[in-house]
Amino acid sequence: MSLLATLGLELDRGLLPASGLGWLVDYGKLPLAPAPLAPYEVLGGALEGGLPGGGEPLAGDRKQKKRDQNKSAALRYRQRKRAEGEALEGECQGLEARNRELRERAESVEREIQYVKDLLIEVYKARSQRMRSS
């Protein structure tokens, strides 16, 4: 196996100079053209899209990646806000129930106070009648 084949390269003789400068070129080595790449293969062995060891991602790929990141962040934000809203709604319902209980208890205490006042009034009336009769 030749060195070129080992490196995955092939000689492109069409690129050699046609002038009388051929004696400057070692025809066994230069110029070299890379062998055709397999699909999704990039020089350096990485996939397109900026994976480690590969070339820079294309501008469109960067924009798409940024769009995807933004879309994902927006989705997470909406989910978080929805969860916060649901938590607040649950807290609100709990507080409304507690408020109803406290109002009912306050009304009950007010009724009890009024009952005691009415009893005291009856006691004073009964005393005053007893005092008048005696």
C-alpha atoms as a PDB file:
ATOM      1  CA  MET A   1       0.000   0.000   0.000  1.00  0.00           C
ATOM      2  CA  SER A   2       1.395   3.416  -0.906  1.00  0.00           C
ATOM      3  CA  LEU A   3       1.863   6.304   1.469  1.00  0.00           C
ATOM      4  CA  LEU A   4      -0.842   8.243  -0.371  1.00  0.00           C
ATOM      5  CA  ALA A   5      -3.384   5.461   0.055  1.00  0.00           C
ATOM      6  CA  THR A   6      -2.486   5.133   3.737  1.00  0.00           C
ATOM      7  CA  LEU A   7      -3.194   8.826   4.239  1.00  0.00           C
ATOM      8  CA  GLY A   8      -6.401   8.625   2.229  1.00  0.00           C
ATOM      9  CA  LEU A   9      -4.980  10.888  -0.489  1.00  0.00           C
ATOM     10  CA  GLU A  10      -4.652  10.556  -4.219  1.00  0.00           C
ATOM     11  CA  LEU A  11      -2.460  12.338  -6.729  1.00  0.00           C
ATOM     12  CA  ASP A  12      -4.248  14.814  -8.967  1.00  0.00           C
ATOM     13  CA  ARG A  13      -1.914  15.054 -11.965  1.00  0.00           C
ATOM     14  CA  GLY A  14      -4.197  17.566 -13.696  1.00  0.00           C
ATOM     15  CA  LEU A  15      -2.982  20.202 -11.264  1.00  0.00           C
ATOM     16  CA  LEU A  16       0.694  19.769 -12.137  1.00  0.00           C
ATOM     17  CA  PRO A  17       2.332  22.681 -13.952  1.00  0.00           C
ATOM     18  CA  ALA A  18       2.371  22.332 -17.727  1.00  0.00           C
ATOM     19  CA  SER A  19       5.286  24.734 -18.152  1.00  0.00           C
ATOM     20  CA  GLY A  20       8.927  23.799 -18.217  1.00  0.00           C
ATOM     21  CA  LEU A  21       9.014  23.923 -14.436  1.00  0.00           C
ATOM     22  CA  GLY A  22       8.191  20.234 -14.158  1.00  0.00           C
ATOM     23  CA  TRP A  23      11.731  19.501 -13.057  1.00  0.00           C
ATOM     24  CA  LEU A  24      10.993  21.436  -9.784  1.00  0.00           C
ATOM     25  CA  VAL A  25       8.142  19.122  -8.893  1.00  0.00           C
ATOM     26  CA  ASP A  26       8.561  15.615  -7.568  1.00  0.00           C
ATOM     27  CA  TYR A  27       5.729  13.986  -9.545  1.00  0.00           C
ATOM     28  CA  GLY A  28       5.432  11.147  -7.044  1.00  0.00           C
ATOM     29  CA  LYS A  29       4.409  13.430  -4.184  1.00  0.00           C
ATOM     30  CA  LEU A  30       2.932  16.772  -5.303  1.00  0.00           C
ATOM     31  CA  PRO A  31       0.346  18.145  -5.679  1.00  0.00           C
ATOM     32  CA  LEU A  32      -1.964  15.997  -3.621  1.00  0.00           C
ATOM     33  CA  ALA A  33      -5.724  16.180  -3.510  1.00  0.00           C
ATOM     34  CA  PRO A  34      -7.711  14.643  -0.679  1.00  0.00           C
ATOM     35  CA  ALA A  35      -9.617  11.460  -1.355  1.00  0.00           C
ATOM     36  CA  PRO A  36     -13.391  11.849  -1.610  1.00  0.00           C
ATOM     37  CA  LEU A  37     -15.013  12.008   1.817  1.00  0.00           C
ATOM     38  CA  ALA A  38     -17.768   9.734   2.992  1.00  0.00           C
ATOM     39  CA  PRO A  39     -21.133  11.357   3.751  1.00  0.00           C
ATOM     40  CA  TYR A  40     -21.089  13.438   6.969  1.00  0.00           C
ATOM     41  CA  GLU A  41     -17.321  13.143   7.204  1.00  0.00           C
ATOM     42  CA  VAL A  42     -15.238  16.260   7.647  1.00  0.00           C
ATOM     43  CA  LEU A  43     -11.500  16.637   7.687  1.00  0.00           C
ATOM     44  CA  GLY A  44     -10.400  15.989  11.233  1.00  0.00           C
ATOM     45  CA  GLY A  45     -12.823  13.099  11.593  1.00  0.00           C
ATOM     46  CA  ALA A  46     -15.747  14.971  13.147  1.00  0.00           C
ATOM     47  CA  LEU A  47     -19.267  15.458  11.919  1.00  0.00           C
ATOM     48  CA  GLU A  48     -20.421  18.794  10.600  1.00  0.00           C
ATOM     49  CA  GLY A  49     -21.992  21.132  13.100  1.00  0.00           C
ATOM     50  CA  GLY A  50     -19.007  22.063  15.197  1.00  0.00           C
ATOM     51  CA  LEU A  51     -18.385  18.874  17.143  1.00  0.00           C
ATOM     52  CA  PRO A  52     -14.996  18.595  18.861  1.00  0.00           C
ATOM     53  CA  GLY A  53     -12.127  18.118  16.462  1.00  0.00           C
ATOM     54  CA  GLY A  54     -14.141  19.296  13.470  1.00  0.00           C
ATOM     55  CA  GLY A  55     -14.287  22.532  11.577  1.00  0.00           C
ATOM     56  CA  GLU A  56     -16.348  25.562  12.465  1.00  0.00           C
ATOM     57  CA  PRO A  57     -20.100  25.114  12.070  1.00  0.00           C
ATOM     58  CA  LEU A  58     -21.656  26.948   9.198  1.00  0.00           C
ATOM     59  CA  ALA A  59     -23.379  30.263   9.869  1.00  0.00           C
ATOM     60  CA  GLY A  60     -26.766  28.699   9.135  1.00  0.00           C
ATOM     61  CA  ASP A  61     -26.022  25.844  11.509  1.00  0.00           C
ATOM     62  CA  ARG A  62     -25.058  28.292  14.244  1.00  0.00           C
ATOM     63  CA  LYS A  63     -28.262  30.242  13.688  1.00  0.00           C
ATOM     64  CA  GLN A  64     -30.337  27.070  13.744  1.00  0.00           C
ATOM     65  CA  LYS A  65     -28.583  25.885  16.904  1.00  0.00           C
ATOM     66  CA  LYS A  66     -29.217  29.277  18.511  1.00  0.00           C
ATOM     67  CA  ARG A  67     -32.881  29.137  17.426  1.00  0.00           C
ATOM     68  CA  ASP A  68     -33.213  25.656  18.901  1.00  0.00           C
ATOM     69  CA  GLN A  69     -31.581  26.766  22.155  1.00  0.00           C
ATOM     70  CA  ASN A  70     -33.866  29.799  22.325  1.00  0.00           C
ATOM     71  CA  LYS A  71     -36.924  27.677  21.590  1.00  0.00           C
ATOM     72  CA  SER A  72     -35.929  25.247  24.327  1.00  0.00           C
ATOM     73  CA  ALA A  73     -35.282  28.069  26.804  1.00  0.00           C
ATOM     74  CA  ALA A  74     -38.634  29.679  25.972  1.00  0.00           C
ATOM     75  CA  LEU A  75     -40.391  26.346  26.480  1.00  0.00           C
ATOM     76  CA  ARG A  76     -38.694  25.844  29.854  1.00  0.00           C
ATOM     77  CA  TYR A  77     -39.626  29.423  30.850  1.00  0.00           C
ATOM     78  CA  ARG A  78     -43.280  28.901  29.904  1.00  0.00           C
ATOM     79  CA  GLN A  79     -43.382  25.588  31.778  1.00  0.00           C
ATOM     80  CA  ARG A  80     -41.813  27.195  34.849  1.00  0.00           C
ATOM     81  CA  LYS A  81     -44.272  30.114  34.740  1.00  0.00           C
ATOM     82  CA  ARG A  82     -47.189  27.703  34.270  1.00  0.00           C
ATOM     83  CA  ALA A  83     -46.024  25.669  37.283  1.00  0.00           C
ATOM     84  CA  GLU A  84     -45.629  28.845  39.350  1.00  0.00           C
ATOM     85  CA  GLY A  85     -49.138  29.932  38.326  1.00  0.00           C
ATOM     86  CA  GLU A  86     -50.576  26.553  39.289  1.00  0.00           C
ATOM     87  CA  ALA A  87     -48.753  26.692  42.626  1.00  0.00           C
ATOM     88  CA  LEU A  88     -50.116  30.188  43.272  1.00  0.00           C
ATOM     89  CA  GLU A  89     -53.612  29.042  42.302  1.00  0.00           C
ATOM     90  CA  GLY A  90     -53.364  26.141  44.753  1.00  0.00           C
ATOM     91  CA  GLU A  91     -52.075  28.454  47.475  1.00  0.00           C
ATOM     92  CA  CYS A  92     -54.899  30.909  46.730  1.00  0.00           C
ATOM     93  CA  GLN A  93     -57.527  28.170  47.026  1.00  0.00           C
ATOM     94  CA  GLY A  94     -56.007  27.022  50.319  1.00  0.00           C
ATOM     95  CA  LEU A  95     -55.990  30.572  51.681  1.00  0.00           C
ATOM     96  CA  GLU A  96     -59.602  31.132  50.573  1.00  0.00           C
ATOM     97  CA  ALA A  97     -60.648  27.946  52.387  1.00  0.00           C
ATOM     98  CA  ARG A  98     -58.749  29.057  55.511  1.00  0.00           C
ATOM     99  CA  ASN A  99     -60.377  32.491  55.230  1.00  0.00           C
ATOM    100  CA  ARG A 100     -63.858  30.893  55.109  1.00  0.00           C
ATOM    101  CA  GLU A 101     -63.051  28.785  58.190  1.00  0.00           C
ATOM    102  CA  LEU A 102     -61.834  31.836  60.103  1.00  0.00           C
ATOM    103  CA  ARG A 103     -64.893  33.879  59.104  1.00  0.00           C
ATOM    104  CA  GLU A 104     -67.207  31.077  60.248  1.00  0.00           C
ATOM    105  CA  ARG A 105     -65.297  30.842  63.517  1.00  0.00           C
ATOM    106  CA  ALA A 106     -65.483  34.626  63.998  1.00  0.00           C
ATOM    107  CA  GLU A 107     -69.243  34.562  63.353  1.00  0.00           C
ATOM    108  CA  SER A 108     -69.604  31.719  65.841  1.00  0.00           C
ATOM    109  CA  VAL A 109     -67.665  33.663  68.488  1.00  0.00           C
ATOM    110  CA  GLU A 110     -69.782  36.772  67.781  1.00  0.00           C
ATOM    111  CA  ARG A 111     -72.976  34.719  68.213  1.00  0.00           C
ATOM    112  CA  GLU A 112     -71.624  33.313  71.481  1.00  0.00           C
ATOM    113  CA  ILE A 113     -70.748  36.822  72.711  1.00  0.00           C
ATOM    114  CA  GLN A 114     -74.229  38.039  71.791  1.00  0.00           C
ATOM    115  CA  TYR A 115     -75.748  35.053  73.627  1.00  0.00           C
ATOM    116  CA  VAL A 116     -73.724  35.867  76.770  1.00  0.00           C
ATOM    117  CA  LYS A 117     -74.730  39.547  76.510  1.00  0.00           C
ATOM    118  CA  ASP A 118     -78.379  38.535  76.214  1.00  0.00           C
ATOM    119  CA  LEU A 119     -77.997  36.282  79.279  1.00  0.00           C
ATOM    120  CA  LEU A 120     -76.430  39.127  81.248  1.00  0.00           C
ATOM    121  CA  ILE A 121     -79.262  41.435  80.244  1.00  0.00           C
ATOM    122  CA  GLU A 122     -81.797  38.848  81.457  1.00  0.00           C
ATOM    123  CA  VAL A 123     -79.871  38.449  84.729  1.00  0.00           C
ATOM    124  CA  TYR A 124     -79.831  42.232  85.301  1.00  0.00           C
ATOM    125  CA  LYS A 125     -83.543  42.443  84.463  1.00  0.00           C
ATOM    126  CA  ALA A 126     -84.313  39.615  86.860  1.00  0.00           C
ATOM    127  CA  ARG A 127     -82.238  41.287  89.608  1.00  0.00           C
ATOM    128  CA  SER A 128     -83.805  44.641  89.035  1.00  0.00           C
ATOM    129  CA  GLN A 129     -87.296  43.084  89.205  1.00  0.00           C
ATOM    130  CA  ARG A 130     -86.352  41.278  92.400  1.00  0.00           C
ATOM    131  CA  MET A 131     -85.008  44.484  93.850  1.00  0.00           C
ATOM    132  CA  ARG A 132     -88.233  46.292  92.997  1.00  0.00           C
ATOM    133  CA  SER A 133     -90.395  43.558  94.423  1.00  0.00           C
ATOM    134  CA  SER A 134     -88.557  43.350  97.673  1.00  0.00           C
END
